[in-house]
C-alpha atoms as a PDB file:
ATOM      1  CA  UNK A   1       6.696 250.596  42.179  1.00  0.00           C
ATOM      2  CA  UNK A   2       6.457 254.345  41.302  1.00  0.00           C
ATOM      3  CA  UNK A   3       9.364 256.137  39.772  1.00  0.00           C
ATOM      4  CA  UNK A   4       8.919 259.280  41.817  1.00  0.00           C
ATOM      5  CA  UNK A   5       6.467 261.150  43.912  1.00  0.00           C
ATOM      6  CA  UNK A   6       5.904 264.819  43.108  1.00  0.00           C
ATOM      7  CA  UNK A   7       3.978 267.600  44.880  1.00  0.00           C
ATOM      8  CA  UNK A   8       1.417 268.475  42.269  1.00  0.00           C
ATOM      9  CA  UNK A   9      -0.570 266.645  39.529  1.00  0.00           C
ATOM     10  CA  UNK A  10       0.374 269.434  37.020  1.00  0.00           C
ATOM     11  CA  UNK A  11       3.750 268.138  35.952  1.00  0.00           C
ATOM     12  CA  UNK A  12       3.930 264.425  36.151  1.00  0.00           C
ATOM     13  CA  UNK A  13       2.944 263.964  32.563  1.00  0.00           C
ATOM     14  CA  UNK A  14       6.235 264.481  30.937  1.00  0.00           C
ATOM     15  CA  UNK A  15       7.912 261.906  33.253  1.00  0.00           C
ATOM     16  CA  UNK A  16       5.397 259.422  32.541  1.00  0.00           C
ATOM     17  CA  UNK A  17       5.528 259.929  28.793  1.00  0.00           C
ATOM     18  CA  UNK A  18       9.446 259.673  28.980  1.00  0.00           C
ATOM     19  CA  UNK A  19       9.732 256.669  31.333  1.00  0.00           C
ATOM     20  CA  UNK A  20       6.385 254.767  31.049  1.00  0.00           C
ATOM     21  CA  UNK A  21       6.695 254.489  34.880  1.00  0.00           C
ATOM     22  CA  UNK A  22       3.999 255.522  37.189  1.00  0.00           C
ATOM     23  CA  UNK A  23       4.271 258.721  39.348  1.00  0.00           C
ATOM     24  CA  UNK A  24       2.616 259.492  42.809  1.00  0.00           C
ATOM     25  CA  UNK A  25       1.175 262.983  42.869  1.00  0.00           C
ATOM     26  CA  UNK A  26       1.167 263.967  46.597  1.00  0.00           C
ATOM     27  CA  UNK A  27      -0.904 266.968  46.661  1.00  0.00           C
ATOM     28  CA  UNK A  28      -3.424 266.702  43.854  1.00  0.00           C
ATOM     29  CA  UNK A  29      -3.824 269.075  40.933  1.00  0.00           C
ATOM     30  CA  UNK A  30      -2.777 272.423  43.037  1.00  0.00           C
ATOM     31  CA  UNK A  31      -0.415 270.914  45.491  1.00  0.00           C
ATOM     32  CA  UNK A  32      -3.118 271.650  48.275  1.00  0.00           C
ATOM     33  CA  UNK A  33      -4.872 268.314  48.610  1.00  0.00           C
ATOM     34  CA  UNK A  34      -3.654 266.654  51.798  1.00  0.00           C
ATOM     35  CA  UNK A  35      -3.745 263.258  50.305  1.00  0.00           C
ATOM     36  CA  UNK A  36      -0.212 262.315  51.308  1.00  0.00           C
ATOM     37  CA  UNK A  37       0.831 262.142  55.002  1.00  0.00           C
ATOM     38  CA  UNK A  38       4.405 261.760  56.372  1.00  0.00           C
ATOM     39  CA  UNK A  39       3.450 258.368  57.759  1.00  0.00           C
ATOM     40  CA  UNK A  40       2.241 257.173  54.198  1.00  0.00           C
ATOM     41  CA  UNK A  41       5.318 258.481  52.564  1.00  0.00           C
ATOM     42  CA  UNK A  42       7.606 256.775  54.946  1.00  0.00           C
ATOM     43  CA  UNK A  43       5.754 253.512  54.343  1.00  0.00           C
ATOM     44  CA  UNK A  44       6.182 253.705  50.693  1.00  0.00           C
ATOM     45  CA  UNK A  45       9.812 254.375  51.016  1.00  0.00           C
ATOM     46  CA  UNK A  46      10.521 251.642  53.645  1.00  0.00           C
ATOM     47  CA  UNK A  47       8.571 249.090  51.665  1.00  0.00           C
ATOM     48  CA  UNK A  48      10.375 250.044  48.346  1.00  0.00           C
ATOM     49  CA  UNK A  49       7.356 251.353  46.576  1.00  0.00           C
ATOM     50  CA  UNK A  50       9.124 254.559  46.152  1.00  0.00           C
ATOM     51  CA  UNK A  51      12.568 255.697  46.168  1.00  0.00           C
ATOM     52  CA  UNK A  52      12.580 259.433  44.688  1.00  0.00           C
ATOM     53  CA  UNK A  53      10.743 262.595  45.624  1.00  0.00           C
ATOM     54  CA  UNK A  54      10.638 265.668  43.389  1.00  0.00           C
ATOM     55  CA  UNK A  55       9.939 268.869  45.265  1.00  0.00           C
ATOM     56  CA  UNK A  56       8.960 271.869  43.187  1.00  0.00           C
ATOM     57  CA  UNK A  57       9.917 275.474  43.775  1.00  0.00           C
ATOM     58  CA  UNK A  58       6.231 276.474  43.618  1.00  0.00           C
ATOM     59  CA  UNK A  59       5.237 274.499  46.734  1.00  0.00           C
ATOM     60  CA  UNK A  60       2.363 276.845  47.149  1.00  0.00           C
ATOM     61  CA  UNK A  61      -0.173 275.324  49.568  1.00  0.00           C
ATOM     62  CA  UNK A  62       1.696 272.187  49.907  1.00  0.00           C
ATOM     63  CA  UNK A  63       2.138 269.968  53.023  1.00  0.00           C
ATOM     64  CA  UNK A  64       4.932 271.622  54.889  1.00  0.00           C
ATOM     65  CA  UNK A  65       5.254 268.698  57.319  1.00  0.00           C
ATOM     66  CA  UNK A  66       6.058 266.449  54.365  1.00  0.00           C
ATOM     67  CA  UNK A  67       8.327 268.948  52.703  1.00  0.00           C
ATOM     68  CA  UNK A  68      10.194 269.513  55.962  1.00  0.00           C
ATOM     69  CA  UNK A  69      10.554 265.781  56.655  1.00  0.00           C
ATOM     70  CA  UNK A  70      11.750 265.084  53.013  1.00  0.00           C
ATOM     71  CA  UNK A  71      14.362 267.812  53.331  1.00  0.00           C
ATOM     72  CA  UNK A  72      15.509 266.255  56.568  1.00  0.00           C
ATOM     73  CA  UNK A  73      15.476 262.537  55.793  1.00  0.00           C
ATOM     74  CA  UNK A  74      16.223 262.132  52.265  1.00  0.00           C
ATOM     75  CA  UNK A  75      19.310 263.108  50.157  1.00  0.00           C
ATOM     76  CA  UNK A  76      19.396 265.671  47.555  1.00  0.00           C
ATOM     77  CA  UNK A  77      20.351 264.027  44.097  1.00  0.00           C
ATOM     78  CA  UNK A  78      22.889 266.200  41.935  1.00  0.00           C
ATOM     79  CA  UNK A  79      21.739 266.987  38.601  1.00  0.00           C
ATOM     80  CA  UNK A  80      24.920 265.203  37.106  1.00  0.00           C
ATOM     81  CA  UNK A  81      23.659 261.943  38.634  1.00  0.00           C
ATOM     82  CA  UNK A  82      20.602 261.977  36.275  1.00  0.00           C
ATOM     83  CA  UNK A  83      22.021 263.472  33.207  1.00  0.00           C
ATOM     84  CA  UNK A  84      21.895 267.162  34.051  1.00  0.00           C
ATOM     85  CA  UNK A  85      24.724 269.410  32.968  1.00  0.00           C
ATOM     86  CA  UNK A  86      25.663 271.210  36.204  1.00  0.00           C
ATOM     87  CA  UNK A  87      26.621 270.170  39.697  1.00  0.00           C
ATOM     88  CA  UNK A  88      23.469 271.959  41.033  1.00  0.00           C
ATOM     89  CA  UNK A  89      20.797 269.904  42.743  1.00  0.00           C
ATOM     90  CA  UNK A  90      17.985 271.822  41.024  1.00  0.00           C
ATOM     91  CA  UNK A  91      16.445 270.584  37.727  1.00  0.00           C
ATOM     92  CA  UNK A  92      16.558 274.075  36.373  1.00  0.00           C
ATOM     93  CA  UNK A  93      12.777 274.613  36.898  1.00  0.00           C
ATOM     94  CA  UNK A  94      13.107 275.321  40.641  1.00  0.00           C
ATOM     95  CA  UNK A  95      12.657 271.538  41.467  1.00  0.00           C
ATOM     96  CA  UNK A  96      15.031 269.527  43.571  1.00  0.00           C
ATOM     97  CA  UNK A  97      15.062 265.669  43.387  1.00  0.00           C
ATOM     98  CA  UNK A  98      15.562 263.669  46.496  1.00  0.00           C
ATOM     99  CA  UNK A  99      16.586 259.956  47.072  1.00  0.00           C
ATOM    100  CA  UNK A 100      15.669 257.639  49.853  1.00  0.00           C
ATOM    101  CA  UNK A 101      18.747 255.667  50.955  1.00  0.00           C
ATOM    102  CA  UNK A 102      17.156 253.333  53.530  1.00  0.00           C
END
């Protein structure tokens, strides 16, 4: 099971190093690779292979269908729920963490 799916391969290293858990990069190095589809993401979530998605503020070239689906169907996780110091939903770097509740 992957800990989280993120839009770009440029930022998972810190998550992997801190947790030792695998991370799914949905859009390759620059977020523009259409490797992930809405159907595939839904399958990972429903099968319990994935529970969280981290969307970056720099979603340049990202798959807007996936981004729109995530924002509509997943729940924003407040920063205080994962050790953040504010009640905001952003990680402080323009990223927002979403949780699947299915």
